Protein backbone atom coordinates (compact mmCIF):
# COMPACT_ATOMS: atom_id res chain seq x y z
CA MET A 1 12.47 3.55 -24.54
CA GLN A 2 10.18 3.85 -21.71
CA ASN A 3 12.11 4.39 -18.42
CA THR A 4 9.77 2.07 -16.57
CA PRO A 5 10.38 0.79 -13.19
CA LYS A 6 12.05 -3.05 -13.15
CA GLU A 7 9.03 -4.03 -10.99
CA TRP A 8 6.68 -2.93 -13.65
CA GLN A 9 8.77 -5.46 -16.53
CA VAL A 10 8.48 -8.11 -13.87
CA ILE A 11 5.16 -8.02 -13.42
CA GLN A 12 4.71 -8.06 -17.31
CA ASN A 13 6.82 -11.02 -17.44
CA ILE A 14 4.57 -12.75 -15.13
CA ARG A 15 1.55 -11.76 -16.92
CA SER A 16 2.64 -13.17 -20.17
CA ARG A 17 3.22 -16.38 -17.98
CA VAL A 18 -0.25 -16.88 -16.36
CA GLN A 19 -2.87 -14.93 -18.54
CA ARG A 20 -5.40 -17.49 -20.26
CA HIS A 21 -8.25 -16.56 -22.59
CA ASN A 22 -11.42 -17.21 -20.25
CA SER A 23 -14.68 -16.82 -21.30
CA HIS A 24 -15.81 -15.53 -17.91
CA THR A 25 -13.48 -12.46 -17.95
CA ILE A 26 -14.69 -8.85 -17.93
CA VAL A 27 -11.68 -6.80 -17.28
CA PRO A 28 -8.16 -8.91 -17.21
CA LEU A 29 -5.33 -9.12 -15.15
CA GLY A 30 -3.49 -5.76 -15.51
CA ASP A 31 -6.03 -3.27 -14.14
CA ASP A 32 -6.36 -2.20 -10.32
CA GLY A 33 -8.99 -5.20 -10.26
CA TYR A 34 -9.89 -8.22 -12.05
CA VAL A 35 -13.73 -8.46 -13.17
CA PHE A 36 -14.94 -11.49 -14.23
CA LYS A 37 -18.94 -13.29 -14.63
CA ASN A 38 -19.52 -14.94 -11.74
CA PHE A 39 -19.65 -19.03 -12.57
CA SER A 40 -22.84 -21.10 -11.62
CA GLY A 41 -23.86 -22.30 -8.36
CA PHE A 42 -22.11 -21.29 -5.10
CA SER A 43 -18.95 -19.35 -5.02
CA VAL A 44 -16.18 -21.15 -2.92
CA ILE A 45 -12.95 -19.21 -1.80
CA ALA A 46 -9.94 -20.61 0.25
CA GLN A 47 -6.94 -19.33 1.20
CA ASP A 48 -3.77 -20.81 2.50
CA MET A 49 -0.20 -18.83 3.55
CA MET A 50 3.26 -20.60 3.19
CA VAL A 51 6.25 -19.43 4.71
CA GLU A 52 9.95 -20.52 4.60
CA ASP A 53 11.46 -22.29 7.13
CA VAL A 54 7.88 -23.13 8.68
CA HIS A 55 6.58 -25.35 5.74
CA PHE A 56 9.01 -25.58 3.32
CA ARG A 57 13.06 -25.23 2.84
CA LEU A 58 14.71 -23.75 -0.44
CA ASP A 59 17.69 -26.16 -0.42
CA TYR A 60 15.29 -29.32 -1.23
CA ALA A 61 12.24 -26.98 -2.91
CA SER A 62 12.57 -25.89 -6.23
CA ALA A 63 10.58 -22.82 -7.69
CA PHE A 64 8.46 -25.06 -9.76
CA ASP A 65 7.61 -27.44 -6.81
CA LEU A 66 6.84 -24.31 -4.68
CA GLY A 67 4.65 -23.12 -7.75
CA HIS A 68 2.66 -26.42 -7.68
CA LYS A 69 2.22 -26.99 -4.21
CA SER A 70 1.20 -23.35 -2.96
CA LEU A 71 -1.54 -23.99 -5.38
CA ALA A 72 -2.42 -27.69 -5.10
CA VAL A 73 -3.01 -27.03 -1.34
CA ASN A 74 -5.42 -24.28 -2.20
CA LEU A 75 -7.23 -26.46 -4.66
CA SER A 76 -7.13 -29.24 -2.29
CA ASP A 77 -9.43 -27.01 -0.29
CA LEU A 78 -11.94 -26.68 -2.59
CA ALA A 79 -12.04 -30.32 -3.61
CA ALA A 80 -12.64 -30.95 -0.21
CA MET A 81 -16.00 -28.43 -0.31
CA GLY A 82 -17.10 -30.49 -3.58
CA ALA A 83 -16.03 -27.60 -5.63
CA ASN A 84 -14.28 -26.96 -9.24
CA GLY A 85 -11.44 -24.54 -9.27
CA HIS A 86 -11.77 -21.10 -11.55
CA LEU A 87 -9.26 -18.50 -10.44
CA ALA A 88 -6.24 -17.73 -8.13
CA GLN A 89 -4.33 -14.99 -6.90
CA VAL A 90 -1.19 -15.25 -5.83
CA SER A 91 1.06 -12.94 -3.54
CA LEU A 92 4.94 -13.04 -2.84
CA ALA A 93 7.24 -11.46 -0.38
CA LEU A 94 9.88 -12.25 -2.05
CA PRO A 95 14.01 -12.12 -0.10
CA LYS A 96 16.21 -10.30 -2.74
CA GLU A 97 18.83 -13.57 -3.33
CA LEU A 98 16.02 -14.94 -5.32
CA THR A 99 16.35 -14.20 -9.28
CA GLU A 100 13.56 -13.05 -12.04
CA SER A 101 14.28 -16.64 -13.57
CA TRP A 102 13.41 -18.28 -10.14
CA LEU A 103 9.97 -16.36 -10.47
CA ASP A 104 9.62 -17.33 -13.83
CA GLU A 105 10.07 -21.33 -13.03
CA PHE A 106 7.61 -20.81 -9.98
CA TYR A 107 4.90 -19.52 -12.13
CA ARG A 108 5.73 -22.33 -14.73
CA GLY A 109 4.79 -24.72 -11.92
CA MET A 110 2.23 -23.05 -10.70
CA THR A 111 0.36 -22.64 -14.26
CA THR A 112 1.30 -26.19 -15.30
CA LEU A 113 -1.15 -27.41 -12.28
CA ALA A 114 -3.55 -25.07 -12.97
CA ASP A 115 -4.17 -25.73 -16.55
CA ARG A 116 -4.70 -29.25 -15.91
CA TYR A 117 -7.81 -27.93 -14.02
CA GLY A 118 -8.78 -24.83 -15.85
CA VAL A 119 -7.63 -22.21 -13.43
CA GLU A 120 -6.45 -18.80 -14.16
CA VAL A 121 -4.15 -16.94 -12.00
CA VAL A 122 -5.74 -13.13 -12.33
CA GLY A 123 -3.82 -11.02 -9.62
CA GLY A 124 -1.85 -10.73 -6.47
CA ASP A 125 1.05 -8.93 -5.20
CA LEU A 126 4.90 -8.95 -5.13
CA CYS A 127 7.03 -7.25 -2.15
CA ALA A 128 10.29 -7.23 -0.82
CA SER A 129 10.84 -9.55 2.10
CA PRO A 130 13.90 -9.44 4.64
CA ARG A 131 13.85 -12.34 5.76
CA GLY A 132 12.58 -15.27 3.76
CA LEU A 133 10.07 -16.49 1.17
CA VAL A 134 6.52 -15.98 1.88
CA ILE A 135 3.82 -17.16 -0.40
CA ASP A 136 0.31 -16.04 -0.08
CA VAL A 137 -2.31 -17.95 -2.34
CA SER A 138 -6.60 -17.64 -2.65
CA VAL A 139 -8.39 -19.43 -4.99
CA HIS A 140 -12.10 -18.66 -6.08
CA GLY A 141 -14.22 -22.08 -7.39
CA SER A 142 -17.94 -22.82 -7.54
CA CYS A 143 -20.47 -26.18 -6.67
CA GLU A 144 -23.61 -26.95 -7.15
CA THR A 145 -24.02 -28.67 -3.46
CA PRO A 146 -21.26 -27.27 -0.66
CA LEU A 147 -19.62 -30.45 1.38
CA THR A 148 -18.86 -29.09 4.71
CA ARG A 149 -16.74 -30.54 7.80
CA LYS A 150 -20.25 -31.08 9.86
CA GLY A 151 -22.68 -33.97 10.02
CA ALA A 152 -20.65 -37.01 10.70
CA GLN A 153 -23.40 -39.56 12.54
CA ALA A 154 -22.68 -42.23 14.87
CA GLY A 155 -22.30 -45.60 12.99
CA ASP A 156 -20.58 -43.54 10.28
CA LEU A 157 -17.66 -45.12 8.16
CA LEU A 158 -14.52 -42.70 7.80
CA LEU A 159 -12.88 -43.38 4.33
CA THR A 160 -10.20 -41.58 2.61
CA SER A 161 -9.30 -41.51 -1.24
CA GLY A 162 -6.03 -42.87 -1.07
CA PRO A 163 -2.56 -43.37 0.65
CA LEU A 164 -1.74 -41.84 3.94
CA GLY A 165 1.72 -40.73 5.26
CA LEU A 166 3.28 -41.05 2.33
CA SER A 167 3.87 -36.78 2.16
CA THR A 168 6.14 -37.66 5.82
CA ALA A 169 8.00 -40.27 4.45
CA GLY A 170 8.83 -38.04 1.52
CA LEU A 171 10.15 -35.36 3.66
CA GLN A 172 12.15 -37.64 5.77
CA ALA A 173 13.47 -39.16 2.19
CA LEU A 174 14.62 -35.28 1.77
CA ARG A 175 16.17 -34.32 4.87
CA GLU A 176 17.98 -37.93 5.04
CA ASP A 177 19.23 -36.80 0.97
CA ARG A 178 17.69 -40.23 0.50
CA LYS A 179 15.20 -39.03 -2.53
CA THR A 180 16.44 -40.91 -5.44
CA LEU A 181 14.99 -44.02 -3.26
CA PHE A 182 11.66 -42.90 -2.28
CA PRO A 183 10.59 -41.04 -5.77
CA ASP A 184 6.79 -41.44 -4.95
CA ALA A 185 7.11 -40.29 -1.44
CA VAL A 186 9.20 -37.26 -2.50
CA ALA A 187 6.70 -36.00 -5.50
CA ARG A 188 4.05 -36.52 -2.85
CA HIS A 189 5.55 -34.02 -0.68
CA LEU A 190 7.21 -31.80 -2.91
CA ARG A 191 4.11 -31.76 -5.41
CA PRO A 192 0.83 -33.49 -3.87
CA GLU A 193 -2.07 -33.61 -6.22
CA PRO A 194 -5.64 -32.00 -4.91
CA ARG A 195 -8.11 -34.50 -5.44
CA LEU A 196 -10.13 -32.44 -8.00
CA ASP A 197 -11.09 -35.70 -9.94
CA LEU A 198 -13.23 -36.60 -7.34
CA VAL A 199 -15.59 -33.48 -7.46
CA PRO A 200 -17.84 -35.27 -9.82
CA GLN A 201 -18.38 -38.34 -7.95
CA LEU A 202 -18.62 -36.22 -4.66
CA GLN A 203 -21.39 -34.13 -6.28
CA LYS A 204 -22.92 -36.84 -7.87
CA ASN A 205 -23.60 -38.67 -4.50
CA ALA A 206 -23.60 -35.36 -2.49
CA SER A 207 -26.45 -36.12 -0.15
CA LYS A 208 -25.23 -39.29 0.74
CA VAL A 209 -21.61 -37.27 2.00
CA HIS A 210 -22.23 -36.77 5.44
CA ALA A 211 -18.85 -34.76 5.73
CA LEU A 212 -15.84 -33.90 4.07
CA MET A 213 -12.36 -32.37 4.58
CA ASP A 214 -9.01 -32.89 3.29
CA CYS A 215 -6.14 -34.29 5.07
CA SER A 216 -3.59 -31.84 5.73
CA ASP A 217 -2.64 -32.19 9.35
CA GLY A 218 -2.40 -36.06 9.77
CA LEU A 219 -5.25 -38.46 10.24
CA VAL A 220 -5.61 -38.28 13.81
CA ASN A 221 -6.02 -34.01 14.15
CA ASP A 222 -8.24 -33.90 11.29
CA SER A 223 -10.04 -36.66 12.09
CA LEU A 224 -10.99 -34.93 15.33
CA ILE A 225 -12.31 -32.28 13.85
CA LEU A 226 -15.24 -34.17 11.98
CA THR A 227 -16.24 -35.90 15.73
CA ARG A 228 -17.14 -31.87 16.45
CA ASN A 229 -16.57 -33.09 20.29
CA ALA A 230 -20.00 -34.93 20.18
CA LEU A 231 -18.67 -38.52 18.98
CA GLY A 232 -15.88 -40.98 19.00
CA LEU A 233 -13.94 -42.45 16.66
CA HIS A 234 -12.59 -46.25 16.39
CA LEU A 235 -9.47 -46.17 13.82
CA PHE A 236 -8.23 -49.73 12.19
CA PRO A 237 -4.84 -49.33 11.69
CA GLU A 238 -4.69 -52.82 9.70
CA ASN A 239 -6.76 -51.01 7.03
CA PHE A 240 -5.12 -48.14 6.58
CA PRO A 241 -3.72 -47.25 2.86
CA LEU A 242 -0.21 -47.45 2.74
CA HIS A 243 2.22 -47.13 -0.03
CA GLU A 244 5.49 -49.15 -0.40
CA ASP A 245 7.64 -46.23 0.08
CA THR A 246 5.98 -45.12 3.18
CA LYS A 247 6.25 -48.83 4.66
CA GLU A 248 10.08 -49.12 3.50
CA ILE A 249 11.52 -46.16 4.44
CA LYS A 250 12.91 -46.46 8.06
CA GLY A 251 13.18 -44.04 11.04
CA GLU A 252 11.87 -43.08 14.25
CA THR A 253 8.07 -43.61 13.04
CA SER A 254 6.71 -46.73 11.77
CA ALA A 255 4.41 -46.34 8.55
CA TYR A 256 1.48 -46.52 10.91
CA GLU A 257 2.88 -43.53 12.57
CA LYS A 258 3.54 -41.45 10.04
CA ALA A 259 -0.51 -42.26 8.37
CA LEU A 260 -1.45 -41.39 12.06
CA TRP A 261 0.15 -38.20 12.49
CA GLY A 262 1.74 -36.99 9.37
CA GLY A 263 0.30 -34.48 7.06
CA GLU A 264 0.09 -32.89 3.82
CA ASP A 265 -1.29 -35.72 2.10
CA TYR A 266 -4.15 -33.69 0.63
CA GLU A 267 -6.48 -36.95 0.06
CA LEU A 268 -10.18 -36.56 1.12
CA LEU A 269 -11.33 -37.81 4.17
CA MET A 270 -15.08 -38.61 4.35
CA ALA A 271 -18.20 -39.88 6.53
CA VAL A 272 -20.50 -41.72 5.07
CA SER A 273 -23.02 -44.49 6.21
CA PRO A 274 -22.10 -48.16 5.95
CA ALA A 275 -25.09 -48.13 3.64
CA ASP A 276 -23.92 -45.71 1.20
CA ARG A 277 -20.26 -47.20 1.24
CA HIS A 278 -20.66 -49.00 -2.28
CA LEU A 279 -21.22 -45.95 -3.76
CA PHE A 280 -17.29 -45.10 -3.00
CA PRO A 281 -15.75 -48.35 -4.01
CA THR A 282 -12.21 -46.89 -4.29
CA TRP A 283 -11.90 -44.92 -1.36
CA ARG A 284 -10.35 -47.15 2.16
CA GLU A 285 -12.33 -47.45 5.29
CA VAL A 286 -10.01 -46.50 7.82
CA GLY A 287 -12.30 -45.79 10.90
CA GLN A 288 -16.31 -45.79 12.28
CA PHE A 289 -17.43 -42.52 14.22
CA THR A 290 -19.52 -43.96 17.75
CA GLU A 291 -21.82 -42.28 20.18
CA SER A 292 -19.15 -42.86 23.19
CA LEU A 293 -16.73 -40.53 23.32
CA GLY A 294 -12.93 -41.04 22.55
CA MET A 295 -10.67 -42.04 19.71
CA PHE A 296 -8.97 -45.52 19.73
CA LEU A 297 -7.14 -47.89 17.69
CA VAL A 298 -8.67 -51.29 16.96
CA HIS A 299 -6.25 -54.22 16.98
CA GLY A 300 -8.47 -57.18 16.34
CA ASP A 301 -10.42 -57.56 19.55
CA GLY A 302 -8.58 -55.25 21.31
CA LYS A 303 -8.29 -51.37 21.04
CA GLU A 304 -5.77 -48.83 22.44
CA GLU A 305 -7.33 -45.15 23.63
CA ILE A 306 -4.92 -42.32 21.80
CA THR A 307 -4.77 -39.67 24.29
CA THR A 308 -1.12 -38.02 23.63
CA PHE A 309 -1.53 -35.93 20.45
CA LYS A 310 1.28 -35.20 18.21
CA GLY A 311 1.81 -34.02 14.77
CA TRP A 312 2.02 -30.46 13.32
CA LYS A 313 1.35 -27.65 15.75
CA HIS A 314 1.32 -23.92 14.16
CA PHE A 315 1.57 -22.22 17.69
C-alpha cells in the first residue's frame, strides 16, 4: 500500500464528494489549477469569508448549515449582479477538533445547494487553524448585463424581493434556545436562500433596473449604499414584508427594528422607476429615493429622521 499523507486522503475524499461532470471543464479538480472554457457573457467573481465566533458559532450551526450558508452568501452576491453561478473555490482553516466526518457533512451541505443551481466546487485550500474555523469561498458566474449598486435616481422606488428581519429573528431564537418555536426564522439564518431564481426576470428587464444589491447588512445600512450620498430616502415601515416569526418573537427589538437593522436576509434591494413598478409584481415597495438628503421613516403624514445608525459593524 502506498504510504500517502493523511492530507492527501482527506483531499481525495473531498474531491469524490464535490466533483461533477461539467462540459466547460478542460483540466479537472486535482491538478495545480482548474482549467475551464469560458462561459458566455461577462464573467462575475465574488468572495466572502466567515470566521467562527464572528459570523457563526459551532454550538448552533452544524457542518451542513455552514456548508450551505458559506456558498449561499456568495451566490447571493452573484444574484445581486444579475448573474448565474458556475464554479466555486473553497478554502478552510480547520481547528484540530473538527473531524473528517464533520468535513464531509460541510461539503454535503455545500453541494446540496450547489447542485440546485448547477454550481461545481472546483478547488480551494485546507490548512490548520490554532484558533477557530475560518471559511473563505469565492464564486465564478456570468451574465449578459451586469447590474450594479449605482444608478438610483430621485423618485425611484425601493423594492425588496422578500421578508426582512427574518434572519435576525432566527438568530435570536437560536441564542434563546427557542429554535423549535420559530423554524422558518431559524432556517433563514442558518440556511439562507440566494435569490438566483430572480436572475431571469432581472436580465429580461435589465434596462429598467437602476440599481441592485443584496440585503446582507440590514435595510438601512444597505440602502445608504444605494443613495451614494447624493440622494435621500423615505422608508415606509407599514409596508415592510414581515414574516410571522419575525412579528411573533419578542425581545429587545421590534419586528420593524429587525427589518431596519438586522442583516443576513439575502433578499435583493432594487431601485426602479414608478413607471416600471409593474414589471416586478411580487416585489414589495419599502421606500422611495428623494432629491433632498437624509433618511426618514414615513408614518402616515409624518416622518421621523434616522440620525443614529445601528446594525452590524465589522470594525
